[in-house]
Amino acid sequence: MFLSCILPLSLKETMKQVRGLASFIRDLGTQKIYLAHIYENQKESERESKKLKNITLELRDQGFEVSTHSRSGSAVQGIRDLSRDLAPDFAALPWHNVDPLRRALVGSRDVDIIRSIQLPALIFKRASQKEEPGLGNVIYATSFRESDRHAIKFLKEKRLKGDNLYFLHVGKRAPDPEAEKARREKVEKGLKRLVQECDSDFRKVETVQTVGSVRHKIISQAKNKKADLIILGKTDSSRGLDRIMGSTTESVAIRSSSSLLIIPVPPVSDSGRNNNE
């Protein structure tokens, strides 16, 4: 599920960022990279072409099979079209920090790309803190919805190795003690079910349940656990931005220092089944 990825580049990325991302996705088992650069002018500049070539050589030196794909036009539409045509397993994006005011006015290229593709999307923030190969700590934040079923497929991937996997649920406290006890028991049962379903290749699998703001608790738990990766499902809300990415997911992506893997629920066909089933 992680064998091939599309890597959209603005070519403002440093070679250090590229190397860090390459090391990270190698730990996911990635072997093939589709380098994608969408340029605004009618012709790719000599500087852009040279940098893309240097990145290609760097990634090949690290053992990846690499192909490059350049075209002019809209970055979002270009990446969406390439994702459809190349059919990679996932997209990997080096996170670009954007001034909050500018983000509020014109948005974020990274967020817009994630909105447009129906692929799992890795937002790379930093390299794994482990010295040896593999991920350190991974958090999967669950709301016990349809996205769980698709996330479990990735967590069961034998190429996904790490130290500790935490199943995290953030809930809302019930209004009275009896209702709260029942809620906690239901959450505990749901978390244990996920652990049983997940035949993972992590050294330890644990559950965490807490109450409060979902986005704040995910960020704080990731910080406390020193998580290399947070895994979230795309929301199934039908409102605006929530429909496509989710306000919680976007907030975590912006504020957390951990990398983020966003797993979408495949669209439902006319038969009522997910298209990839």
C-alpha atoms as a PDB file:
ATOM      1  CA  MET A   1       0.000   0.000   0.000  1.00  0.00           C
ATOM      2  CA  PHE A   2       3.036   2.252   0.228  1.00  0.00           C
ATOM      3  CA  LEU A   3       5.068   0.925  -2.704  1.00  0.00           C
ATOM      4  CA  SER A   4       4.627   3.958  -4.955  1.00  0.00           C
ATOM      5  CA  CYS A   5       3.987   7.629  -4.278  1.00  0.00           C
ATOM      6  CA  ILE A   6       3.538  10.857  -6.151  1.00  0.00           C
ATOM      7  CA  LEU A   7       5.737  13.632  -4.786  1.00  0.00           C
ATOM      8  CA  PRO A   8       4.531  17.112  -5.804  1.00  0.00           C
ATOM      9  CA  LEU A   9       7.345  19.666  -5.713  1.00  0.00           C
ATOM     10  CA  SER A  10       7.207  23.436  -5.859  1.00  0.00           C
ATOM     11  CA  LEU A  11      11.028  23.311  -6.146  1.00  0.00           C
ATOM     12  CA  LYS A  12      11.255  25.730  -3.233  1.00  0.00           C
ATOM     13  CA  GLU A  13      12.073  22.712  -1.071  1.00  0.00           C
ATOM     14  CA  THR A  14      15.616  22.372   0.226  1.00  0.00           C
ATOM     15  CA  MET A  15      17.623  19.253  -0.488  1.00  0.00           C
ATOM     16  CA  LYS A  16      17.545  18.601   3.270  1.00  0.00           C
ATOM     17  CA  GLN A  17      13.739  18.470   3.156  1.00  0.00           C
ATOM     18  CA  VAL A  18      13.826  16.092   0.202  1.00  0.00           C
ATOM     19  CA  ARG A  19      16.335  13.795   1.910  1.00  0.00           C
ATOM     20  CA  GLY A  20      14.293  13.775   5.107  1.00  0.00           C
ATOM     21  CA  LEU A  21      11.094  12.903   3.254  1.00  0.00           C
ATOM     22  CA  ALA A  22      12.906  10.212   1.253  1.00  0.00           C
ATOM     23  CA  SER A  23      14.177   8.614   4.456  1.00  0.00           C
ATOM     24  CA  PHE A  24      10.682   8.765   5.965  1.00  0.00           C
ATOM     25  CA  ILE A  25       8.883   7.081   3.066  1.00  0.00           C
ATOM     26  CA  ARG A  26      11.610   4.448   2.806  1.00  0.00           C
ATOM     27  CA  ASP A  27      10.532   3.417   6.305  1.00  0.00           C
ATOM     28  CA  LEU A  28       7.015   2.999   4.872  1.00  0.00           C
ATOM     29  CA  GLY A  29       8.385   0.577   2.267  1.00  0.00           C
ATOM     30  CA  THR A  30       8.163   2.960  -0.695  1.00  0.00           C
ATOM     31  CA  GLN A  31      10.190   1.925  -3.750  1.00  0.00           C
ATOM     32  CA  LYS A  32       8.908   4.072  -6.620  1.00  0.00           C
ATOM     33  CA  ILE A  33       8.541   7.866  -6.675  1.00  0.00           C
ATOM     34  CA  TYR A  34       6.737   9.928  -9.291  1.00  0.00           C
ATOM     35  CA  LEU A  35       8.268  13.401  -9.065  1.00  0.00           C
ATOM     36  CA  ALA A  36       5.680  15.966 -10.155  1.00  0.00           C
ATOM     37  CA  HIS A  37       6.357  19.622 -10.873  1.00  0.00           C
ATOM     38  CA  ILE A  38       3.677  21.941 -12.234  1.00  0.00           C
ATOM     39  CA  TYR A  39       5.084  25.240 -13.459  1.00  0.00           C
ATOM     40  CA  GLU A  40       3.054  28.376 -14.050  1.00  0.00           C
ATOM     41  CA  ASN A  41       4.798  29.681 -17.154  1.00  0.00           C
ATOM     42  CA  GLN A  42       4.522  28.165 -20.602  1.00  0.00           C
ATOM     43  CA  LYS A  43       8.035  26.804 -20.339  1.00  0.00           C
ATOM     44  CA  GLU A  44       9.913  25.275 -17.456  1.00  0.00           C
ATOM     45  CA  SER A  45      12.855  27.491 -16.539  1.00  0.00           C
ATOM     46  CA  GLU A  46      16.417  26.256 -16.808  1.00  0.00           C
ATOM     47  CA  ARG A  47      16.793  26.634 -13.024  1.00  0.00           C
ATOM     48  CA  GLU A  48      13.678  24.546 -12.358  1.00  0.00           C
ATOM     49  CA  SER A  49      14.774  21.874 -14.801  1.00  0.00           C
ATOM     50  CA  LYS A  50      18.226  21.659 -13.228  1.00  0.00           C
ATOM     51  CA  LYS A  51      16.884  21.398  -9.671  1.00  0.00           C
ATOM     52  CA  LEU A  52      14.386  18.718 -10.671  1.00  0.00           C
ATOM     53  CA  LYS A  53      17.201  16.752 -12.294  1.00  0.00           C
ATOM     54  CA  ASN A  54      19.366  17.070  -9.175  1.00  0.00           C
ATOM     55  CA  ILE A  55      16.525  15.847  -6.954  1.00  0.00           C
ATOM     56  CA  THR A  56      15.926  12.923  -9.300  1.00  0.00           C
ATOM     57  CA  LEU A  57      19.607  11.916  -9.121  1.00  0.00           C
ATOM     58  CA  GLU A  58      19.613  12.274  -5.328  1.00  0.00           C
ATOM     59  CA  LEU A  59      16.589   9.993  -4.935  1.00  0.00           C
ATOM     60  CA  ARG A  60      17.994   7.417  -7.355  1.00  0.00           C
ATOM     61  CA  ASP A  61      21.233   7.408  -5.378  1.00  0.00           C
ATOM     62  CA  GLN A  62      19.125   6.520  -2.341  1.00  0.00           C
ATOM     63  CA  GLY A  63      17.772   3.468  -4.142  1.00  0.00           C
ATOM     64  CA  PHE A  64      14.388   4.677  -5.370  1.00  0.00           C
ATOM     65  CA  GLU A  65      12.981   4.093  -8.827  1.00  0.00           C
ATOM     66  CA  VAL A  66      12.192   7.644  -9.975  1.00  0.00           C
ATOM     67  CA  SER A  67      10.324   9.150 -12.908  1.00  0.00           C
ATOM     68  CA  THR A  68       9.751  12.866 -13.447  1.00  0.00           C
ATOM     69  CA  HIS A  69       6.566  14.508 -14.668  1.00  0.00           C
ATOM     70  CA  SER A  70       6.475  18.216 -15.527  1.00  0.00           C
ATOM     71  CA  ARG A  71       3.692  20.239 -17.079  1.00  0.00           C
ATOM     72  CA  SER A  72       2.397  23.787 -17.101  1.00  0.00           C
ATOM     73  CA  GLY A  73      -0.839  25.017 -15.598  1.00  0.00           C
ATOM     74  CA  SER A  74      -2.614  24.881 -12.259  1.00  0.00           C
ATOM     75  CA  ALA A  75      -0.677  22.979  -9.571  1.00  0.00           C
ATOM     76  CA  VAL A  76      -3.839  21.533  -8.045  1.00  0.00           C
ATOM     77  CA  GLN A  77      -5.346  20.376 -11.330  1.00  0.00           C
ATOM     78  CA  GLY A  78      -1.993  19.103 -12.579  1.00  0.00           C
ATOM     79  CA  ILE A  79      -1.365  16.968  -9.491  1.00  0.00           C
ATOM     80  CA  ARG A  80      -4.946  15.714  -9.553  1.00  0.00           C
ATOM     81  CA  ASP A  81      -4.605  14.647 -13.196  1.00  0.00           C
ATOM     82  CA  LEU A  82      -1.220  13.003 -12.643  1.00  0.00           C
ATOM     83  CA  SER A  83      -2.526  11.176  -9.576  1.00  0.00           C
ATOM     84  CA  ARG A  84      -5.350   9.773 -11.658  1.00  0.00           C
ATOM     85  CA  ASP A  85      -3.135   8.816 -14.608  1.00  0.00           C
ATOM     86  CA  LEU A  86      -0.198   7.363 -12.648  1.00  0.00           C
ATOM     87  CA  ALA A  87      -2.314   5.686  -9.936  1.00  0.00           C
ATOM     88  CA  PRO A  88       0.261   5.804  -7.102  1.00  0.00           C
ATOM     89  CA  ASP A  89      -0.484   4.245  -3.735  1.00  0.00           C
ATOM     90  CA  PHE A  90      -0.268   7.582  -1.936  1.00  0.00           C
ATOM     91  CA  ALA A  91       0.879  11.187  -2.197  1.00  0.00           C
ATOM     92  CA  ALA A  92       3.787  12.591  -0.166  1.00  0.00           C
ATOM     93  CA  LEU A  93       3.992  16.346   0.373  1.00  0.00           C
ATOM     94  CA  PRO A  94       6.753  18.292   2.104  1.00  0.00           C
ATOM     95  CA  TRP A  95       4.814  20.702   4.324  1.00  0.00           C
ATOM     96  CA  HIS A  96       5.201  24.357   3.366  1.00  0.00           C
ATOM     97  CA  ASN A  97       4.712  26.855   6.161  1.00  0.00           C
ATOM     98  CA  VAL A  98       2.346  29.624   5.157  1.00  0.00           C
ATOM     99  CA  ASP A  99       1.797  32.905   6.994  1.00  0.00           C
ATOM    100  CA  PRO A 100      -1.552  32.603   8.893  1.00  0.00           C
ATOM    101  CA  LEU A 101      -2.971  35.762   7.280  1.00  0.00           C
ATOM    102  CA  ARG A 102      -2.050  34.581   3.798  1.00  0.00           C
ATOM    103  CA  ARG A 103      -3.493  31.146   4.550  1.00  0.00           C
ATOM    104  CA  ALA A 104      -6.771  32.763   5.629  1.00  0.00           C
ATOM    105  CA  LEU A 105      -6.929  34.877   2.466  1.00  0.00           C
ATOM    106  CA  VAL A 106      -5.699  32.564  -0.288  1.00  0.00           C
ATOM    107  CA  GLY A 107      -5.403  29.151   1.375  1.00  0.00           C
ATOM    108  CA  SER A 108      -2.585  26.633   1.193  1.00  0.00           C
ATOM    109  CA  ARG A 109      -1.251  24.815  -1.862  1.00  0.00           C
ATOM    110  CA  ASP A 110      -0.746  21.654   0.202  1.00  0.00           C
ATOM    111  CA  VAL A 111      -4.295  21.701   1.556  1.00  0.00           C
ATOM    112  CA  ASP A 112      -5.728  22.384  -1.903  1.00  0.00           C
ATOM    113  CA  ILE A 113      -3.848  19.414  -3.375  1.00  0.00           C
ATOM    114  CA  ILE A 114      -5.046  17.093  -0.609  1.00  0.00           C
ATOM    115  CA  ARG A 115      -8.601  18.301  -1.220  1.00  0.00           C
ATOM    116  CA  SER A 116      -8.363  17.454  -4.914  1.00  0.00           C
ATOM    117  CA  ILE A 117      -6.994  13.893  -4.804  1.00  0.00           C
ATOM    118  CA  GLN A 118      -8.666  10.699  -3.651  1.00  0.00           C
ATOM    119  CA  LEU A 119      -5.439   9.251  -2.305  1.00  0.00           C
ATOM    120  CA  PRO A 120      -3.909   8.744   1.115  1.00  0.00           C
ATOM    121  CA  ALA A 121      -1.736  11.817   1.661  1.00  0.00           C
ATOM    122  CA  LEU A 122       1.401  12.038   3.758  1.00  0.00           C
ATOM    123  CA  ILE A 123       2.248  15.523   5.005  1.00  0.00           C
ATOM    124  CA  PHE A 124       5.929  15.367   5.893  1.00  0.00           C
ATOM    125  CA  LYS A 125       7.064  17.583   8.757  1.00  0.00           C
ATOM    126  CA  ARG A 126      10.246  15.998  10.080  1.00  0.00           C
ATOM    127  CA  ALA A 127      12.358  12.860   9.868  1.00  0.00           C
ATOM    128  CA  SER A 128      11.835   9.988  12.278  1.00  0.00           C
ATOM    129  CA  GLN A 129      13.567  10.460  15.606  1.00  0.00           C
ATOM    130  CA  LYS A 130      14.790   6.863  15.578  1.00  0.00           C
ATOM    131  CA  GLU A 131      18.413   6.155  14.727  1.00  0.00           C
ATOM    132  CA  GLU A 132      17.661   2.725  13.223  1.00  0.00           C
ATOM    133  CA  PRO A 133      15.261   2.105  10.278  1.00  0.00           C
ATOM    134  CA  GLY A 134      11.531   2.185  10.944  1.00  0.00           C
ATOM    135  CA  LEU A 135       9.144   4.597  12.599  1.00  0.00           C
ATOM    136  CA  GLY A 136       9.164   5.396  16.287  1.00  0.00           C
ATOM    137  CA  ASN A 137       5.727   6.159  17.735  1.00  0.00           C
ATOM    138  CA  VAL A 138       2.559   6.308  15.640  1.00  0.00           C
ATOM    139  CA  ILE A 139      -0.865   7.602  16.724  1.00  0.00           C
ATOM    140  CA  TYR A 140      -4.104   6.671  15.009  1.00  0.00           C
ATOM    141  CA  ALA A 141      -6.909   8.980  16.113  1.00  0.00           C
ATOM    142  CA  THR A 142     -10.245   7.207  15.759  1.00  0.00           C
ATOM    143  CA  SER A 143     -13.816   8.421  15.916  1.00  0.00           C
ATOM    144  CA  PHE A 144     -15.172   4.879  15.292  1.00  0.00           C
ATOM    145  CA  ARG A 145     -16.457   5.778  11.839  1.00  0.00           C
ATOM    146  CA  GLU A 146     -16.130   4.332   8.348  1.00  0.00           C
ATOM    147  CA  SER A 147     -12.558   5.600   8.054  1.00  0.00           C
ATOM    148  CA  ASP A 148     -11.429   3.018  10.649  1.00  0.00           C
ATOM    149  CA  ARG A 149     -11.903   0.174   8.207  1.00  0.00           C
ATOM    150  CA  HIS A 150      -9.655   1.804   5.632  1.00  0.00           C
ATOM    151  CA  ALA A 151      -7.032   2.940   8.147  1.00  0.00           C
ATOM    152  CA  ILE A 152      -6.707  -0.586   9.532  1.00  0.00           C
ATOM    153  CA  LYS A 153      -5.661  -1.797   6.087  1.00  0.00           C
ATOM    154  CA  PHE A 154      -2.665   0.530   6.276  1.00  0.00           C
ATOM    155  CA  LEU A 155      -1.850  -0.312   9.880  1.00  0.00           C
ATOM    156  CA  LYS A 156      -1.805  -4.027   9.005  1.00  0.00           C
ATOM    157  CA  GLU A 157       0.693  -3.374   6.201  1.00  0.00           C
ATOM    158  CA  LYS A 158       3.766  -5.422   7.126  1.00  0.00           C
ATOM    159  CA  ARG A 159       6.090  -2.805   5.651  1.00  0.00           C
ATOM    160  CA  LEU A 160       4.826  -0.359   8.273  1.00  0.00           C
ATOM    161  CA  LYS A 161       7.108  -1.075  11.212  1.00  0.00           C
ATOM    162  CA  GLY A 162       7.633   0.904  14.386  1.00  0.00           C
ATOM    163  CA  ASP A 163       8.038   0.958  18.132  1.00  0.00           C
ATOM    164  CA  ASN A 164       4.665   1.938  19.571  1.00  0.00           C
ATOM    165  CA  LEU A 165       1.227   2.255  17.984  1.00  0.00           C
ATOM    166  CA  TYR A 166      -1.376   4.203  19.961  1.00  0.00           C
ATOM    167  CA  PHE A 167      -5.095   4.039  19.202  1.00  0.00           C
ATOM    168  CA  LEU A 168      -6.436   7.370  20.449  1.00  0.00           C
ATOM    169  CA  HIS A 169     -10.056   8.389  20.971  1.00  0.00           C
ATOM    170  CA  VAL A 170     -11.031  11.873  22.094  1.00  0.00           C
ATOM    171  CA  GLY A 171     -14.597  12.090  23.349  1.00  0.00           C
ATOM    172  CA  LYS A 172     -17.038  14.414  25.038  1.00  0.00           C
ATOM    173  CA  ARG A 173     -17.756  13.828  28.703  1.00  0.00           C
ATOM    174  CA  ALA A 174     -21.307  12.631  29.446  1.00  0.00           C
ATOM    175  CA  PRO A 175     -23.564  14.792  31.660  1.00  0.00           C
ATOM    176  CA  ASP A 176     -23.834  12.373  34.599  1.00  0.00           C
ATOM    177  CA  PRO A 177     -21.596   9.685  36.217  1.00  0.00           C
ATOM    178  CA  GLU A 178     -23.606   6.673  35.021  1.00  0.00           C
ATOM    179  CA  ALA A 179     -23.733   7.912  31.444  1.00  0.00           C
ATOM    180  CA  GLU A 180     -20.024   8.740  31.599  1.00  0.00           C
ATOM    181  CA  LYS A 181     -19.213   5.235  32.833  1.00  0.00           C
ATOM    182  CA  ALA A 182     -21.240   3.713  29.989  1.00  0.00           C
ATOM    183  CA  ARG A 183     -19.557   6.014  27.464  1.00  0.00           C
ATOM    184  CA  ARG A 184     -16.083   5.089  28.680  1.00  0.00           C
ATOM    185  CA  GLU A 185     -16.893   1.367  28.580  1.00  0.00           C
ATOM    186  CA  LYS A 186     -18.167   1.716  25.022  1.00  0.00           C
ATOM    187  CA  VAL A 187     -15.015   3.597  23.977  1.00  0.00           C
ATOM    188  CA  GLU A 188     -12.773   1.026  25.654  1.00  0.00           C
ATOM    189  CA  LYS A 189     -14.592  -1.767  23.852  1.00  0.00           C
ATOM    190  CA  GLY A 190     -14.192   0.034  20.516  1.00  0.00           C
ATOM    191  CA  LEU A 191     -10.471   0.622  21.080  1.00  0.00           C
ATOM    192  CA  LYS A 192      -9.878  -3.016  22.039  1.00  0.00           C
ATOM    193  CA  ARG A 193     -11.710  -4.121  18.894  1.00  0.00           C
ATOM    194  CA  LEU A 194      -9.370  -2.013  16.758  1.00  0.00           C
ATOM    195  CA  VAL A 195      -6.333  -3.497  18.513  1.00  0.00           C
ATOM    196  CA  GLN A 196      -7.623  -7.005  17.797  1.00  0.00           C
ATOM    197  CA  GLU A 197      -8.262  -6.163  14.141  1.00  0.00           C
ATOM    198  CA  CYS A 198      -4.834  -4.652  13.703  1.00  0.00           C
ATOM    199  CA  ASP A 199      -2.251  -7.380  13.243  1.00  0.00           C
ATOM    200  CA  SER A 200       0.469  -4.743  13.208  1.00  0.00           C
ATOM    201  CA  ASP A 201       4.236  -4.993  13.068  1.00  0.00           C
ATOM    202  CA  PHE A 202       4.766  -2.650  16.020  1.00  0.00           C
ATOM    203  CA  ARG A 203       6.562  -3.719  19.166  1.00  0.00           C
ATOM    204  CA  LYS A 204       3.719  -2.500  21.365  1.00  0.00           C
ATOM    205  CA  VAL A 205       0.110  -1.499  20.699  1.00  0.00           C
ATOM    206  CA  GLU A 206      -1.706   0.591  23.330  1.00  0.00           C
ATOM    207  CA  THR A 207      -4.992   2.494  23.645  1.00  0.00           C
ATOM    208  CA  VAL A 208      -5.571   6.014  24.937  1.00  0.00           C
ATOM    209  CA  GLN A 209      -8.938   7.626  25.630  1.00  0.00           C
ATOM    210  CA  THR A 210      -9.415  11.171  26.795  1.00  0.00           C
ATOM    211  CA  VAL A 211     -11.966  14.012  26.666  1.00  0.00           C
ATOM    212  CA  GLY A 212     -11.788  17.570  25.380  1.00  0.00           C
ATOM    213  CA  SER A 213     -11.117  19.351  22.103  1.00  0.00           C
ATOM    214  CA  VAL A 214     -10.325  16.737  19.462  1.00  0.00           C
ATOM    215  CA  ARG A 215      -7.704  18.791  17.633  1.00  0.00           C
ATOM    216  CA  HIS A 216      -6.008  20.010  20.814  1.00  0.00           C
ATOM    217  CA  LYS A 217      -5.888  16.547  22.365  1.00  0.00           C
ATOM    218  CA  ILE A 218      -4.475  14.936  19.226  1.00  0.00           C
ATOM    219  CA  ILE A 219      -1.746  17.569  19.069  1.00  0.00           C
ATOM    220  CA  SER A 220      -0.919  17.285  22.782  1.00  0.00           C
ATOM    221  CA  GLN A 221      -0.892  13.473  22.725  1.00  0.00           C
ATOM    222  CA  ALA A 222       1.381  13.487  19.678  1.00  0.00           C
ATOM    223  CA  LYS A 223       3.745  15.809  21.519  1.00  0.00           C
ATOM    224  CA  ASN A 224       3.658  13.770  24.730  1.00  0.00           C
ATOM    225  CA  LYS A 225       4.204  10.483  22.888  1.00  0.00           C
ATOM    226  CA  LYS A 226       6.864  12.033  20.612  1.00  0.00           C
ATOM    227  CA  ALA A 227       4.959  10.677  17.643  1.00  0.00           C
ATOM    228  CA  ASP A 228       6.688  10.445  14.281  1.00  0.00           C
ATOM    229  CA  LEU A 229       3.346  10.030  12.541  1.00  0.00           C
ATOM    230  CA  ILE A 230      -0.306  10.868  13.199  1.00  0.00           C
ATOM    231  CA  ILE A 231      -2.868   8.954  11.139  1.00  0.00           C
ATOM    232  CA  LEU A 232      -6.294  10.494  10.558  1.00  0.00           C
ATOM    233  CA  GLY A 233      -9.259   9.609   8.389  1.00  0.00           C
ATOM    234  CA  LYS A 234     -10.872  12.240   6.199  1.00  0.00           C
ATOM    235  CA  THR A 235     -14.141  13.457   7.639  1.00  0.00           C
ATOM    236  CA  ASP A 236     -17.477  12.447   6.145  1.00  0.00           C
ATOM    237  CA  SER A 237     -19.046  15.829   6.933  1.00  0.00           C
ATOM    238  CA  SER A 238     -20.889  17.528   4.073  1.00  0.00           C
ATOM    239  CA  ARG A 239     -20.034  21.114   5.009  1.00  0.00           C
ATOM    240  CA  GLY A 240     -17.546  23.130   2.968  1.00  0.00           C
ATOM    241  CA  LEU A 241     -13.918  22.433   3.845  1.00  0.00           C
ATOM    242  CA  ASP A 242     -15.013  19.799   6.394  1.00  0.00           C
ATOM    243  CA  ARG A 243     -16.458  17.744   3.552  1.00  0.00           C
ATOM    244  CA  ILE A 244     -13.080  17.355   1.880  1.00  0.00           C
ATOM    245  CA  MET A 245     -10.384  17.504   4.497  1.00  0.00           C
ATOM    246  CA  GLY A 246     -11.896  18.294   7.860  1.00  0.00           C
ATOM    247  CA  SER A 247     -11.265  21.272  10.086  1.00  0.00           C
ATOM    248  CA  THR A 248      -9.705  19.004  12.725  1.00  0.00           C
ATOM    249  CA  THR A 249      -7.347  17.437  10.197  1.00  0.00           C
ATOM    250  CA  GLU A 250      -6.306  20.801   8.798  1.00  0.00           C
ATOM    251  CA  SER A 251      -5.744  22.220  12.280  1.00  0.00           C
ATOM    252  CA  VAL A 252      -3.595  19.239  13.287  1.00  0.00           C
ATOM    253  CA  ALA A 253      -1.627  19.517  10.044  1.00  0.00           C
ATOM    254  CA  ILE A 254      -0.904  23.186  10.689  1.00  0.00           C
ATOM    255  CA  ARG A 255      -0.113  23.026  14.405  1.00  0.00           C
ATOM    256  CA  SER A 256       1.493  19.654  15.045  1.00  0.00           C
ATOM    257  CA  SER A 257       5.209  19.040  14.516  1.00  0.00           C
ATOM    258  CA  SER A 258       4.528  15.359  13.694  1.00  0.00           C
ATOM    259  CA  SER A 259       4.062  14.152  10.136  1.00  0.00           C
ATOM    260  CA  LEU A 260       0.499  13.327   9.172  1.00  0.00           C
ATOM    261  CA  LEU A 261      -1.047  10.556   7.074  1.00  0.00           C
ATOM    262  CA  ILE A 262      -4.573  11.381   5.919  1.00  0.00           C
ATOM    263  CA  ILE A 263      -6.582   8.385   4.729  1.00  0.00           C
ATOM    264  CA  PRO A 264      -9.737   9.043   2.697  1.00  0.00           C
ATOM    265  CA  VAL A 265     -12.889   6.978   2.634  1.00  0.00           C
ATOM    266  CA  PRO A 266     -13.349   5.938  -1.013  1.00  0.00           C
ATOM    267  CA  PRO A 267     -16.381   7.519  -2.692  1.00  0.00           C
ATOM    268  CA  VAL A 268     -19.569   5.475  -2.706  1.00  0.00           C
ATOM    269  CA  SER A 269     -20.748   4.218  -6.091  1.00  0.00           C
ATOM    270  CA  ASP A 270     -24.338   4.094  -7.305  1.00  0.00           C
ATOM    271  CA  SER A 271     -24.587   0.543  -5.937  1.00  0.00           C
ATOM    272  CA  GLY A 272     -23.936   1.883  -2.429  1.00  0.00           C
ATOM    273  CA  ARG A 273     -20.508   0.250  -2.148  1.00  0.00           C
ATOM    274  CA  ASN A 274     -17.120   1.934  -1.953  1.00  0.00           C
ATOM    275  CA  ASN A 275     -15.520   2.103  -5.372  1.00  0.00           C
ATOM    276  CA  ASN A 276     -12.443   0.137  -4.360  1.00  0.00           C
ATOM    277  CA  GLU A 277     -14.376  -2.781  -2.937  1.00  0.00           C
END
